[in-house]
C-alpha atoms as a PDB file:
ATOM      1  CA  MET A   1       0.000   0.000   0.000  1.00  0.00           C
ATOM      2  CA  LYS A   2       2.796   2.432   0.912  1.00  0.00           C
ATOM      3  CA  LYS A   3       4.536   1.774  -2.415  1.00  0.00           C
ATOM      4  CA  TRP A   4       1.304   2.573  -4.278  1.00  0.00           C
ATOM      5  CA  ILE A   5       0.865   5.872  -2.409  1.00  0.00           C
ATOM      6  CA  LEU A   6       4.485   6.845  -3.101  1.00  0.00           C
ATOM      7  CA  ALA A   7       4.077   5.995  -6.798  1.00  0.00           C
ATOM      8  CA  ALA A   8       0.876   8.054  -6.968  1.00  0.00           C
ATOM      9  CA  ALA A   9       2.577  11.005  -5.265  1.00  0.00           C
ATOM     10  CA  LEU A  10       5.506  10.870  -7.683  1.00  0.00           C
ATOM     11  CA  CYS A  11       3.148  10.613 -10.639  1.00  0.00           C
ATOM     12  CA  CYS A  12       1.096  13.591  -9.505  1.00  0.00           C
ATOM     13  CA  ASN A  13       4.159  15.754  -8.920  1.00  0.00           C
ATOM     14  CA  MET A  14       5.396  14.960 -12.406  1.00  0.00           C
ATOM     15  CA  ALA A  15       2.067  15.923 -13.952  1.00  0.00           C
ATOM     16  CA  PHE A  16       2.693  19.597 -13.270  1.00  0.00           C
ATOM     17  CA  ALA A  17       4.717  21.330 -15.920  1.00  0.00           C
ATOM     18  CA  ASP A  18       6.874  24.382 -15.449  1.00  0.00           C
ATOM     19  CA  VAL A  19       5.152  27.735 -15.643  1.00  0.00           C
ATOM     20  CA  ALA A  20       6.709  30.292 -17.989  1.00  0.00           C
ATOM     21  CA  VAL A  21       6.132  34.001 -17.443  1.00  0.00           C
ATOM     22  CA  VAL A  22       6.134  35.717 -20.833  1.00  0.00           C
ATOM     23  CA  VAL A  23       6.253  39.271 -22.167  1.00  0.00           C
ATOM     24  CA  HIS A  24       6.232  40.913 -25.591  1.00  0.00           C
ATOM     25  CA  PRO A  25       9.560  40.386 -27.441  1.00  0.00           C
ATOM     26  CA  SER A  26      10.217  44.154 -27.436  1.00  0.00           C
ATOM     27  CA  ASN A  27      10.121  44.241 -23.615  1.00  0.00           C
ATOM     28  CA  SER A  28      13.757  44.107 -22.484  1.00  0.00           C
ATOM     29  CA  ASP A  29      13.059  44.316 -18.734  1.00  0.00           C
ATOM     30  CA  SER A  30      14.470  41.569 -16.552  1.00  0.00           C
ATOM     31  CA  LEU A  31      11.973  40.547 -13.904  1.00  0.00           C
ATOM     32  CA  ASP A  32      12.466  38.649 -10.672  1.00  0.00           C
ATOM     33  CA  LYS A  33       9.820  36.744  -8.729  1.00  0.00           C
ATOM     34  CA  ALA A  34       9.076  39.706  -6.446  1.00  0.00           C
ATOM     35  CA  THR A  35       8.472  42.059  -9.382  1.00  0.00           C
ATOM     36  CA  ILE A  36       6.265  39.532 -11.159  1.00  0.00           C
ATOM     37  CA  THR A  37       4.257  39.023  -7.966  1.00  0.00           C
ATOM     38  CA  ARG A  38       3.804  42.780  -7.537  1.00  0.00           C
ATOM     39  CA  LEU A  39       2.600  43.137 -11.137  1.00  0.00           C
ATOM     40  CA  PHE A  40       0.060  40.313 -10.827  1.00  0.00           C
ATOM     41  CA  LEU A  41      -1.233  41.496  -7.430  1.00  0.00           C
ATOM     42  CA  ASN A  42      -1.781  45.102  -8.555  1.00  0.00           C
ATOM     43  CA  LYS A  43       0.964  46.395  -6.252  1.00  0.00           C
ATOM     44  CA  ALA A  44       2.970  47.657  -9.230  1.00  0.00           C
ATOM     45  CA  LYS A  45       1.421  49.102 -12.369  1.00  0.00           C
ATOM     46  CA  ALA A  46       4.490  49.323 -14.607  1.00  0.00           C
ATOM     47  CA  PHE A  47       7.593  47.399 -15.593  1.00  0.00           C
ATOM     48  CA  PRO A  48      10.944  48.647 -14.236  1.00  0.00           C
ATOM     49  CA  SER A  49      11.449  50.558 -17.517  1.00  0.00           C
ATOM     50  CA  GLY A  50       8.247  52.518 -16.846  1.00  0.00           C
ATOM     51  CA  THR A  51       6.078  50.818 -19.498  1.00  0.00           C
ATOM     52  CA  GLN A  52       2.523  50.305 -18.260  1.00  0.00           C
ATOM     53  CA  ALA A  53       2.011  46.608 -17.390  1.00  0.00           C
ATOM     54  CA  GLU A  54      -1.121  44.687 -18.345  1.00  0.00           C
ATOM     55  CA  PRO A  55      -1.169  41.280 -16.612  1.00  0.00           C
ATOM     56  CA  VAL A  56      -2.967  38.438 -18.383  1.00  0.00           C
ATOM     57  CA  ALA A  57      -3.875  35.236 -16.539  1.00  0.00           C
ATOM     58  CA  LEU A  58      -5.218  31.823 -17.406  1.00  0.00           C
ATOM     59  CA  GLU A  59      -8.680  31.036 -16.071  1.00  0.00           C
ATOM     60  CA  GLU A  60      -9.007  29.523 -12.604  1.00  0.00           C
ATOM     61  CA  GLY A  61      -9.132  25.763 -12.335  1.00  0.00           C
ATOM     62  CA  GLN A  62      -6.293  25.075 -14.759  1.00  0.00           C
ATOM     63  CA  ALA A  63      -3.215  23.261 -13.457  1.00  0.00           C
ATOM     64  CA  VAL A  64      -0.882  25.992 -14.753  1.00  0.00           C
ATOM     65  CA  THR A  65      -2.915  28.659 -12.945  1.00  0.00           C
ATOM     66  CA  ASP A  66      -2.758  26.714  -9.685  1.00  0.00           C
ATOM     67  CA  GLU A  67       1.007  26.259 -10.115  1.00  0.00           C
ATOM     68  CA  PHE A  68       1.531  29.978 -10.820  1.00  0.00           C
ATOM     69  CA  ASN A  69      -0.667  31.037  -7.902  1.00  0.00           C
ATOM     70  CA  GLY A  70       1.176  28.738  -5.510  1.00  0.00           C
ATOM     71  CA  LYS A  71       4.766  29.089  -6.730  1.00  0.00           C
ATOM     72  CA  VAL A  72       4.789  32.794  -7.627  1.00  0.00           C
ATOM     73  CA  LEU A  73       1.954  34.502  -5.763  1.00  0.00           C
ATOM     74  CA  ASN A  74       2.068  32.160  -2.735  1.00  0.00           C
ATOM     75  CA  LYS A  75      -1.727  32.086  -2.648  1.00  0.00           C
ATOM     76  CA  THR A  76      -4.467  29.517  -3.141  1.00  0.00           C
ATOM     77  CA  ALA A  77      -7.397  30.108  -5.478  1.00  0.00           C
ATOM     78  CA  SER A  78      -9.665  30.971  -2.541  1.00  0.00           C
ATOM     79  CA  GLN A  79      -7.108  33.401  -1.102  1.00  0.00           C
ATOM     80  CA  LEU A  80      -6.862  35.140  -4.489  1.00  0.00           C
ATOM     81  CA  THR A  81     -10.645  35.330  -4.788  1.00  0.00           C
ATOM     82  CA  ALA A  82     -10.831  37.023  -1.395  1.00  0.00           C
ATOM     83  CA  PHE A  83      -7.910  39.325  -2.252  1.00  0.00           C
ATOM     84  CA  TRP A  84      -9.487  40.492  -5.525  1.00  0.00           C
ATOM     85  CA  SER A  85     -12.974  40.772  -4.024  1.00  0.00           C
ATOM     86  CA  LYS A  86     -11.634  43.241  -1.468  1.00  0.00           C
ATOM     87  CA  LEU A  87      -9.765  45.318  -4.078  1.00  0.00           C
ATOM     88  CA  VAL A  88     -12.715  45.408  -6.465  1.00  0.00           C
ATOM     89  CA  PHE A  89     -15.166  46.285  -3.664  1.00  0.00           C
ATOM     90  CA  THR A  90     -12.990  49.161  -2.451  1.00  0.00           C
ATOM     91  CA  GLY A  91     -12.316  50.381  -5.989  1.00  0.00           C
ATOM     92  CA  LYS A  92      -8.568  49.845  -5.629  1.00  0.00           C
ATOM     93  CA  GLY A  93      -8.034  47.388  -8.443  1.00  0.00           C
ATOM     94  CA  GLN A  94      -9.224  44.801 -10.931  1.00  0.00           C
ATOM     95  CA  PRO A  95      -7.898  41.258 -11.359  1.00  0.00           C
ATOM     96  CA  PRO A  96      -5.794  40.476 -14.421  1.00  0.00           C
ATOM     97  CA  LYS A  97      -7.608  39.781 -17.667  1.00  0.00           C
ATOM     98  CA  SER A  98      -8.442  36.071 -17.703  1.00  0.00           C
ATOM     99  CA  LEU A  99      -8.129  33.926 -20.837  1.00  0.00           C
ATOM    100  CA  GLY A 100      -9.054  30.306 -21.504  1.00  0.00           C
ATOM    101  CA  SER A 101      -5.904  28.775 -22.984  1.00  0.00           C
ATOM    102  CA  ASP A 102      -2.139  29.041 -23.296  1.00  0.00           C
ATOM    103  CA  ALA A 103      -2.574  29.935 -26.978  1.00  0.00           C
ATOM    104  CA  GLU A 104      -4.889  32.842 -26.104  1.00  0.00           C
ATOM    105  CA  VAL A 105      -2.439  34.189 -23.510  1.00  0.00           C
ATOM    106  CA  ILE A 106       0.476  33.909 -25.950  1.00  0.00           C
ATOM    107  CA  ALA A 107      -1.524  35.676 -28.683  1.00  0.00           C
ATOM    108  CA  GLU A 108      -2.516  38.483 -26.285  1.00  0.00           C
ATOM    109  CA  VAL A 109       1.044  38.990 -25.024  1.00  0.00           C
ATOM    110  CA  ALA A 110       2.497  38.809 -28.558  1.00  0.00           C
ATOM    111  CA  SER A 111       0.107  41.535 -29.733  1.00  0.00           C
ATOM    112  CA  ASN A 112       0.503  43.909 -26.758  1.00  0.00           C
ATOM    113  CA  PRO A 113       3.928  45.391 -25.794  1.00  0.00           C
ATOM    114  CA  GLY A 114       2.703  46.050 -22.240  1.00  0.00           C
ATOM    115  CA  ALA A 115       1.299  42.601 -21.567  1.00  0.00           C
ATOM    116  CA  ILE A 116       2.722  40.008 -19.193  1.00  0.00           C
ATOM    117  CA  GLY A 117       1.249  36.553 -18.819  1.00  0.00           C
ATOM    118  CA  PHE A 118       1.952  33.000 -17.730  1.00  0.00           C
ATOM    119  CA  VAL A 119       1.557  29.736 -19.629  1.00  0.00           C
ATOM    120  CA  ASP A 120       2.705  26.142 -19.544  1.00  0.00           C
ATOM    121  CA  ALA A 121       6.404  26.288 -20.465  1.00  0.00           C
ATOM    122  CA  GLY A 122       5.812  23.701 -23.187  1.00  0.00           C
ATOM    123  CA  ALA A 123       3.417  26.036 -24.994  1.00  0.00           C
ATOM    124  CA  VAL A 124       5.908  28.893 -25.470  1.00  0.00           C
ATOM    125  CA  ASN A 125       6.849  29.890 -29.014  1.00  0.00           C
ATOM    126  CA  ASP A 126       9.059  32.615 -30.501  1.00  0.00           C
ATOM    127  CA  SER A 127       6.253  35.208 -30.593  1.00  0.00           C
ATOM    128  CA  VAL A 128       6.883  35.971 -26.884  1.00  0.00           C
ATOM    129  CA  ARG A 129       9.908  36.284 -24.590  1.00  0.00           C
ATOM    130  CA  VAL A 130      10.226  34.168 -21.432  1.00  0.00           C
ATOM    131  CA  VAL A 131      11.350  36.263 -18.450  1.00  0.00           C
ATOM    132  CA  ALA A 132      11.067  33.564 -15.765  1.00  0.00           C
ATOM    133  CA  THR A 133      10.231  29.904 -15.302  1.00  0.00           C
ATOM    134  CA  PHE A 134       8.880  28.420 -12.084  1.00  0.00           C
END
């Protein structure tokens, strides 16, 4: 029984892919985890270069979203819902634009020089620039 549980745990951990944070190819900013977190939690509104940032997220319930929320934002889905509810209610912010697939996020980021998004690292193509992988 213990061997089966260990095998299941290893299998589940391997199911999660790396999360790539992507920006428009013209964006030359280098971003660390803290800066990315600030951009996605509405605590910073611009990249270090001063360009207005427009975060784009994958819809809730996707494995990549859960990975990003946990590894980068250090929050669960319910914690993020509460966080954004408070900001929206007080008029202090709106959550990032939410899209349904990696391809949609990549297309949005590739077409908008101010966009920043996250996708499954395996979905990245040369239309965007990866600034971090988690």
